[in-house]
Protein backbone atom coordinates (compact mmCIF):
# COMPACT_ATOMS: atom_id res chain seq x y z
CA MET A 1 5.76 -19.78 -22.25
CA ILE A 2 5.60 -18.14 -25.67
CA LEU A 3 8.26 -18.80 -28.29
CA ASP A 4 8.71 -16.77 -31.46
CA ALA A 5 11.58 -16.29 -33.84
CA VAL A 6 12.85 -13.64 -36.24
CA GLN A 7 15.34 -13.86 -39.08
CA LEU A 8 18.01 -11.14 -38.80
CA PRO A 9 21.40 -10.50 -40.48
CA ALA A 10 23.86 -12.97 -38.95
CA ARG A 11 26.80 -10.56 -39.25
CA LYS A 12 25.15 -8.27 -36.69
CA PHE A 13 25.51 -10.91 -33.98
CA HIS A 14 29.08 -12.08 -34.62
CA ASP A 15 32.41 -10.29 -34.41
CA SER A 16 34.69 -10.62 -37.41
CA GLN A 17 37.16 -12.42 -35.15
CA ASP A 18 34.56 -15.05 -34.30
CA SER A 19 34.12 -16.03 -37.92
CA PRO A 20 37.23 -17.02 -39.82
CA THR A 21 35.48 -16.66 -43.14
CA THR A 22 33.73 -13.60 -44.46
CA MET A 23 30.06 -13.84 -43.59
CA SER A 24 27.63 -13.24 -46.43
CA LEU A 25 25.69 -9.97 -46.23
CA ASN A 26 22.51 -11.91 -46.99
CA GLU A 27 23.11 -14.65 -44.44
CA LYS A 28 20.35 -14.76 -41.83
CA GLU A 29 20.33 -16.04 -38.29
CA GLN A 30 17.25 -17.20 -36.44
CA ILE A 31 16.85 -15.39 -33.15
CA ILE A 32 14.54 -17.05 -30.64
CA LEU A 33 12.33 -14.66 -28.69
CA ASN A 34 11.39 -16.46 -25.50
CA SER A 35 8.86 -15.02 -23.07
CA GLY A 36 10.65 -16.96 -20.34
CA GLU A 37 13.75 -14.85 -20.90
CA GLU A 38 13.89 -12.22 -18.18
CA LEU A 39 15.05 -9.29 -20.32
CA PHE A 40 12.77 -10.01 -23.26
CA ALA A 41 9.78 -10.28 -20.92
CA GLU A 42 10.65 -6.82 -19.61
CA ILE A 43 10.98 -5.04 -22.97
CA ARG A 44 8.63 -6.91 -25.31
CA ASP A 45 5.65 -4.62 -24.59
CA LYS A 46 7.62 -1.36 -24.61
CA ASN A 47 7.22 1.41 -27.13
CA PHE A 48 10.33 1.49 -29.34
CA ASN A 49 11.36 4.73 -27.61
CA GLY A 50 11.14 3.05 -24.21
CA VAL A 51 13.50 0.14 -24.90
CA GLY A 52 16.77 2.10 -24.80
CA PRO A 53 16.49 3.30 -21.17
CA VAL A 54 15.73 -0.24 -19.98
CA LEU A 55 18.76 -1.69 -21.78
CA SER A 56 20.98 1.12 -20.49
CA LYS A 57 19.88 0.52 -16.90
CA LYS A 58 20.40 -3.22 -17.27
CA ALA A 59 23.91 -2.68 -18.67
CA LYS A 60 24.87 -0.61 -15.63
CA VAL A 61 23.60 -3.32 -13.29
CA ILE A 62 25.55 -6.04 -15.12
CA SER A 63 28.71 -3.92 -15.14
CA SER A 64 28.36 -3.30 -11.41
CA GLN A 65 27.90 -7.00 -10.73
CA PHE A 66 31.04 -7.95 -12.63
CA ASP A 67 33.02 -5.22 -10.86
CA GLU A 68 32.37 -7.03 -7.59
CA ARG A 69 35.07 -9.55 -8.48
CA HIS A 70 37.73 -6.91 -7.82
CA GLY A 71 39.10 -6.24 -4.39
CA ASP A 72 39.68 -8.45 -1.41
CA LYS A 73 37.07 -11.15 -1.01
CA SER A 74 36.53 -13.83 1.55
CA VAL A 75 36.22 -17.44 0.47
CA GLN A 76 32.47 -17.30 1.13
CA GLU A 77 32.05 -14.14 -1.00
CA ILE A 78 34.03 -15.71 -3.84
CA LYS A 79 31.85 -18.80 -3.64
CA GLN A 80 28.70 -16.66 -3.81
CA PHE A 81 30.07 -14.74 -6.78
CA ILE A 82 30.87 -17.96 -8.67
CA ALA A 83 27.37 -19.27 -7.94
CA ARG A 84 25.87 -16.15 -9.53
CA LEU A 85 28.27 -16.17 -12.48
CA PRO A 86 26.25 -18.41 -14.88
CA HIS A 87 23.16 -16.21 -14.48
CA MET A 88 25.26 -13.06 -14.92
CA LEU A 89 26.87 -14.40 -18.10
CA ALA A 90 23.48 -15.44 -19.49
CA THR A 91 22.10 -11.98 -18.73
CA LYS A 92 25.11 -10.34 -20.37
CA GLN A 93 24.63 -12.44 -23.51
CA SER A 94 20.90 -11.64 -23.55
CA LEU A 95 21.68 -7.94 -23.14
CA ALA A 96 24.12 -8.00 -26.07
CA LYS A 97 21.55 -9.73 -28.29
CA HIS A 98 18.69 -7.37 -27.51
CA THR A 99 20.93 -4.30 -27.70
CA THR A 100 21.89 -5.35 -31.24
CA ILE A 101 18.23 -5.81 -32.17
CA ALA A 102 17.35 -2.44 -30.61
CA GLU A 103 20.09 -0.75 -32.64
CA MET A 104 18.67 -2.20 -35.86
CA ILE A 105 15.17 -1.04 -34.91
CA LYS A 106 16.50 2.42 -34.05
CA GLU A 107 18.08 2.71 -37.50
CA VAL A 108 14.57 2.45 -38.91
CA THR A 109 12.71 4.55 -36.34
CA ASP A 110 15.28 7.35 -36.60
CA SER A 111 15.09 7.48 -40.40
CA SER A 112 13.43 10.49 -41.99
CA SER A 113 11.01 8.34 -43.99
CA PHE A 114 9.74 6.60 -40.84
CA LEU A 115 9.42 9.83 -38.85
CA GLU A 116 7.63 11.61 -41.70
CA SER A 117 5.17 8.74 -42.11
CA LEU A 118 4.61 8.62 -38.35
CA GLN A 119 3.89 12.34 -38.26
CA ILE A 120 1.32 12.02 -41.06
CA GLU A 121 -0.32 9.06 -39.32
CA GLN A 122 -0.60 11.06 -36.10
CA GLU A 123 -2.05 14.07 -37.90
CA LEU A 124 -4.66 11.89 -39.61
CA LEU A 125 -5.52 10.14 -36.33
CA ASN A 126 -6.03 13.60 -34.80
CA CYS A 127 -8.37 14.51 -37.70
CA ILE A 128 -6.04 17.16 -39.10
CA ASP A 129 -6.68 17.94 -42.80
CA THR A 130 -8.32 14.59 -43.48
CA ASP A 131 -10.82 15.88 -46.02
CA LYS A 132 -8.43 17.14 -48.69
CA PRO A 133 -5.59 15.70 -50.80
CA ASN A 134 -2.66 14.88 -48.55
CA THR A 135 0.53 16.34 -50.03
CA PHE A 136 2.69 13.69 -48.39
CA ILE A 137 0.65 10.88 -49.96
CA GLU A 138 0.73 12.70 -53.30
CA ASP A 139 4.52 13.00 -53.11
CA MET A 140 4.83 9.29 -52.29
CA ILE A 141 2.82 8.41 -55.37
CA VAL A 142 4.89 10.72 -57.60
CA GLN A 143 8.11 9.22 -56.20
CA GLN A 144 6.69 5.73 -56.76
CA GLN A 145 7.19 4.76 -53.15
CA PRO A 146 6.13 1.17 -52.34
CA LEU A 147 2.41 0.86 -53.01
CA LEU A 148 1.88 -0.79 -49.63
CA LYS A 149 3.09 2.34 -47.80
CA VAL A 150 0.81 4.54 -49.93
CA LEU A 151 -2.24 2.37 -49.33
CA ARG A 152 -1.65 2.26 -45.56
CA LEU A 153 -1.78 6.05 -45.26
CA LEU A 154 -4.62 6.30 -47.74
CA CYS A 155 -6.73 3.83 -45.75
CA ILE A 156 -5.97 5.70 -42.52
CA GLN A 157 -7.13 8.94 -44.12
CA SER A 158 -10.31 7.29 -45.31
CA LEU A 159 -11.06 5.66 -41.94
CA THR A 160 -10.36 8.77 -39.85
CA ASN A 161 -12.48 10.90 -42.18
CA SER A 162 -15.34 8.38 -42.31
CA GLY A 163 -14.64 8.05 -46.00
CA LEU A 164 -13.38 10.38 -48.70
CA LYS A 165 -15.30 12.82 -50.83
CA PRO A 166 -16.14 11.22 -54.20
CA LYS A 167 -13.86 13.57 -56.16
CA LEU A 168 -10.96 12.97 -53.74
CA LEU A 169 -11.42 9.19 -53.81
CA ASP A 170 -11.53 9.17 -57.62
CA TYR A 171 -8.42 11.37 -57.70
CA TYR A 172 -6.43 8.98 -55.51
CA LYS A 173 -7.59 5.93 -57.47
CA ARG A 174 -6.70 7.58 -60.77
CA GLU A 175 -3.23 8.58 -59.56
CA ILE A 176 -2.50 5.07 -58.26
CA ILE A 177 -3.63 3.40 -61.48
CA HIS A 178 -1.61 5.83 -63.63
CA THR A 179 1.52 5.46 -61.50
CA TYR A 180 1.48 1.80 -60.43
CA GLY A 181 -0.51 0.26 -63.29
CA TYR A 182 -4.01 -1.02 -64.00
CA HIS A 183 -3.11 -4.46 -62.61
CA ASN A 184 -3.54 -2.99 -59.11
CA LEU A 185 -7.23 -2.28 -59.72
CA PRO A 186 -8.35 -5.52 -57.97
CA THR A 187 -6.50 -4.39 -54.84
CA ILE A 188 -8.38 -1.09 -54.80
CA LEU A 189 -11.67 -2.91 -55.29
CA ASN A 190 -10.84 -5.24 -52.39
CA LEU A 191 -10.08 -2.28 -50.13
CA GLU A 192 -13.43 -0.75 -51.08
CA LYS A 193 -15.27 -4.01 -50.37
CA ALA A 194 -13.59 -4.19 -46.97
CA GLY A 195 -14.65 -0.62 -46.19
CA LEU A 196 -11.07 0.62 -45.90
CA LEU A 197 -11.60 2.93 -48.88
CA LYS A 198 -15.06 4.37 -49.27
CA GLN A 199 -17.04 7.46 -50.10
CA GLN A 200 -17.65 9.83 -47.25
CA GLN A 201 -20.77 9.42 -45.15
CA SER A 202 -22.67 12.22 -43.46
CA ALA A 203 -21.92 10.95 -39.95
CA ARG A 204 -18.32 11.33 -38.80
CA GLN A 205 -18.03 8.07 -36.85
CA TYR A 206 -14.32 8.24 -36.14
CA ALA A 207 -14.43 11.84 -34.91
CA VAL A 208 -17.10 10.90 -32.37
CA LEU A 209 -15.31 7.70 -31.32
CA ARG A 210 -12.01 9.55 -30.94
CA LYS A 211 -13.45 12.02 -28.45
CA THR A 212 -15.79 9.67 -26.58
CA LEU A 213 -13.30 6.81 -26.17
CA ARG A 214 -10.14 8.97 -26.01
CA LEU A 215 -8.56 7.19 -28.96
CA THR A 216 -5.77 9.77 -29.13
CA VAL A 217 -3.81 11.04 -26.14
CA GLU A 218 -1.32 13.80 -26.90
CA ASP A 219 1.01 13.95 -23.90
CA GLU A 220 1.33 10.29 -22.95
CA SER A 221 4.85 9.18 -21.99
CA GLU A 222 6.28 6.42 -24.17
CA ILE A 223 8.90 5.53 -21.54
CA THR A 224 6.80 5.54 -18.34
CA PRO A 225 3.26 5.20 -19.70
CA LYS A 226 0.04 5.48 -17.75
CA ASP A 227 -2.30 4.87 -20.67
CA ILE A 228 -2.55 2.25 -23.42
CA SER A 229 -2.06 4.94 -26.10
CA TYR A 230 1.72 4.54 -25.58
CA VAL A 231 1.73 1.49 -27.88
CA HIS A 232 1.10 3.69 -30.94
CA SER A 233 2.71 6.83 -29.48
CA ILE A 234 -0.62 8.70 -29.42
CA TYR A 235 -3.29 6.20 -30.50
CA ALA A 236 -5.12 3.79 -28.19
CA PRO A 237 -6.37 0.69 -30.05
CA LEU A 238 -10.15 0.92 -30.19
CA SER A 239 -10.56 -2.78 -29.37
CA VAL A 240 -8.55 -2.39 -26.16
CA ARG A 241 -10.38 0.81 -25.19
CA LEU A 242 -13.59 -1.24 -25.31
CA ALA A 243 -11.98 -3.95 -23.17
CA GLU A 244 -10.82 -1.27 -20.74
CA GLN A 245 -14.33 0.14 -20.53
CA LEU A 246 -15.79 -3.32 -20.03
CA VAL A 247 -13.87 -3.89 -16.78
CA GLN A 248 -15.13 -0.63 -15.30
CA PRO A 249 -18.00 -0.86 -12.77
CA ASN A 250 -20.64 0.23 -15.30
CA GLY A 251 -19.18 -1.76 -18.17
CA TRP A 252 -20.50 -0.71 -21.54
CA GLN A 253 -23.57 0.97 -20.07
CA GLY A 254 -23.82 4.48 -21.37
CA LEU A 255 -21.94 3.61 -24.55
CA ASN A 256 -25.00 2.53 -26.55
CA ASP A 257 -24.73 5.50 -28.88
CA VAL A 258 -21.03 4.89 -29.38
CA MET A 259 -21.42 1.17 -29.96
CA GLY A 260 -23.93 1.93 -32.68
CA LEU A 261 -21.18 3.68 -34.64
CA LEU A 262 -19.14 0.47 -34.86
CA PRO A 263 -19.71 -1.99 -37.71
CA GLY A 264 -21.64 -5.16 -36.93
CA PRO A 265 -24.09 -6.05 -34.15
CA THR A 266 -23.30 -5.69 -30.46
CA ILE A 267 -24.35 -8.36 -27.97
CA ASN A 268 -23.94 -7.74 -24.25
CA ILE A 269 -24.35 -10.86 -22.13
CA SER A 270 -23.81 -10.50 -18.40
CA SER A 271 -22.82 -13.44 -16.26
CA SER A 272 -23.29 -13.67 -12.51
CA GLY A 273 -20.90 -16.58 -12.18
CA LYS A 274 -17.70 -16.01 -10.23
CA ARG A 275 -14.28 -17.33 -11.03
CA ASN A 276 -12.96 -19.78 -8.47
CA SER A 277 -10.28 -18.20 -6.33
CA ILE A 278 -6.76 -19.34 -7.05
CA THR A 279 -5.45 -17.67 -3.91
CA SER A 280 -4.83 -19.38 -0.60
CA GLU A 281 -7.74 -19.82 1.80
CA ASP A 282 -6.31 -17.39 4.31
CA SER A 283 -5.94 -14.65 1.71
CA ASN A 284 -8.39 -11.78 1.87
CA SER A 285 -7.50 -10.43 -1.58
CA GLU A 286 -10.15 -10.46 -4.26
CA PRO A 287 -9.22 -12.80 -7.13
CA PRO A 288 -8.77 -11.00 -10.45
CA LYS A 289 -11.62 -10.97 -12.92
CA LEU A 290 -10.86 -13.21 -15.89
CA ILE A 291 -11.86 -11.89 -19.33
CA MET A 292 -11.38 -13.63 -22.66
CA VAL A 293 -10.85 -11.33 -25.62
CA PHE A 294 -11.32 -13.00 -28.99
CA PHE A 295 -10.12 -11.35 -32.19
CA ILE A 296 -11.69 -12.81 -35.32
CA GLY A 297 -9.55 -12.08 -38.36
CA GLY A 298 -6.41 -11.31 -36.41
CA CYS A 299 -4.93 -8.97 -33.85
CA THR A 300 -1.69 -7.03 -33.59
CA PHE A 301 1.14 -7.29 -31.10
CA ALA A 302 0.31 -3.70 -30.09
CA GLU A 303 -3.18 -4.78 -29.03
CA ILE A 304 -1.70 -7.66 -27.03
CA SER A 305 0.78 -5.31 -25.35
CA ALA A 306 -2.01 -2.86 -24.52
CA LEU A 307 -4.07 -5.64 -22.92
CA ARG A 308 -1.04 -6.78 -20.92
CA PHE A 309 -0.59 -3.19 -19.78
CA LEU A 310 -4.18 -3.08 -18.53
CA SER A 311 -3.77 -6.36 -16.66
CA GLN A 312 -0.81 -4.87 -14.78
CA GLN A 313 -2.92 -2.01 -13.37
CA GLU A 314 -3.71 -2.83 -9.77
CA ASP A 315 -6.90 -0.77 -9.69
CA LEU A 316 -8.46 -2.88 -12.47
CA ASN A 317 -7.67 -6.31 -10.95
CA VAL A 318 -8.21 -8.17 -14.20
CA GLU A 319 -6.53 -10.88 -16.25
CA PHE A 320 -7.01 -11.20 -20.00
CA VAL A 321 -6.92 -14.38 -22.03
CA ILE A 322 -6.26 -13.43 -25.65
CA CYS A 323 -7.50 -15.63 -28.48
CA THR A 324 -7.10 -14.81 -32.15
CA THR A 325 -7.31 -16.46 -35.52
CA LYS A 326 -4.05 -14.84 -36.60
CA LEU A 327 -1.32 -12.39 -35.61
CA ILE A 328 -1.16 -9.50 -38.06
CA ASN A 329 0.30 -6.04 -38.55
CA GLY A 330 -0.52 -3.15 -40.83
CA ASN A 331 1.46 -4.61 -43.73
CA THR A 332 0.31 -8.23 -43.52
CA PHE A 333 -3.30 -7.14 -43.14
CA LEU A 334 -3.22 -5.07 -46.32
CA MET A 335 -1.18 -7.69 -48.17
CA SER A 336 -3.99 -10.16 -47.60
CA LEU A 337 -6.22 -7.84 -49.66
CA MET A 338 -3.74 -7.12 -52.43
CA GLU A 339 -4.04 -8.74 -55.83
CA ASN A 340 -2.13 -8.28 -59.04
CA LEU A 341 -3.62 -8.99 -62.46
CA GLU A 342 -0.11 -9.56 -63.83
CA ASN A 343 0.23 -12.62 -61.61
CA VAL A 344 -3.08 -14.13 -62.70
């Protein structure tokens, strides 16, 4: 069982009638996210556009169950209803909590700033106009949008273009320093050392990887997905694409040229050992292949969700054990590389 918690505005989870005193706008409430909770287990790996239909369907089921109390009932039927009541009430409370959380998420995902940033990310991931100044990024800098948001898009442009032309890279760096101050220079240097910002190389690694490994899928459904690209709307995490390829009959054979485009050495060690069956002796089913995926430096919840999605595909017959040094996201990853001379 996995337990996690988030801090959210307390007023969102309490009616004004429940609290005799006015609740502070800044007051937070800790919400436990429990993988043993039936509803959370069902929606935790969904794309944000796929959560609403699940909650709506669950609400109709709960409403129908409570409507059963009306009408003539036998003593046995009443007894059965009462026996189910605690579970129904718990489900109703869980539904109310997650509906509130979904509404708060939707406020963000429906905002123009989020949708515009998402569109730019998708265009860059599809290699659209990656080799010239991006007007959206330029506007963000002029408007002095949070530097973190600017750097995220700038790094995506650099990565998807296998680096930026020297003049374009110098232009971006100059604009950031002029707008946000010289004290952010160490951050830019850190991004360059990490290879997130760099001068363009002759080989277009990302363009080749995108086509060979199908890193972008245009028409994938976010509500009823059939491919791991649903986790980022169009983008399939490269790490999970490699895991997906590994469980195929030929494994990574035939990907030698592709693997050479990735940073760092590649070691392929095959094992002939078989996992002991955990099924009953009279079962003829093949036990699932067990694969450990280790992320050094951190992995995202999207990568975990994508691996869970793969493990649910019957044709793959695989279970993943995920190990990582840290759980990260786009913001926390970049924040670990950000420095400020003013704070030194």
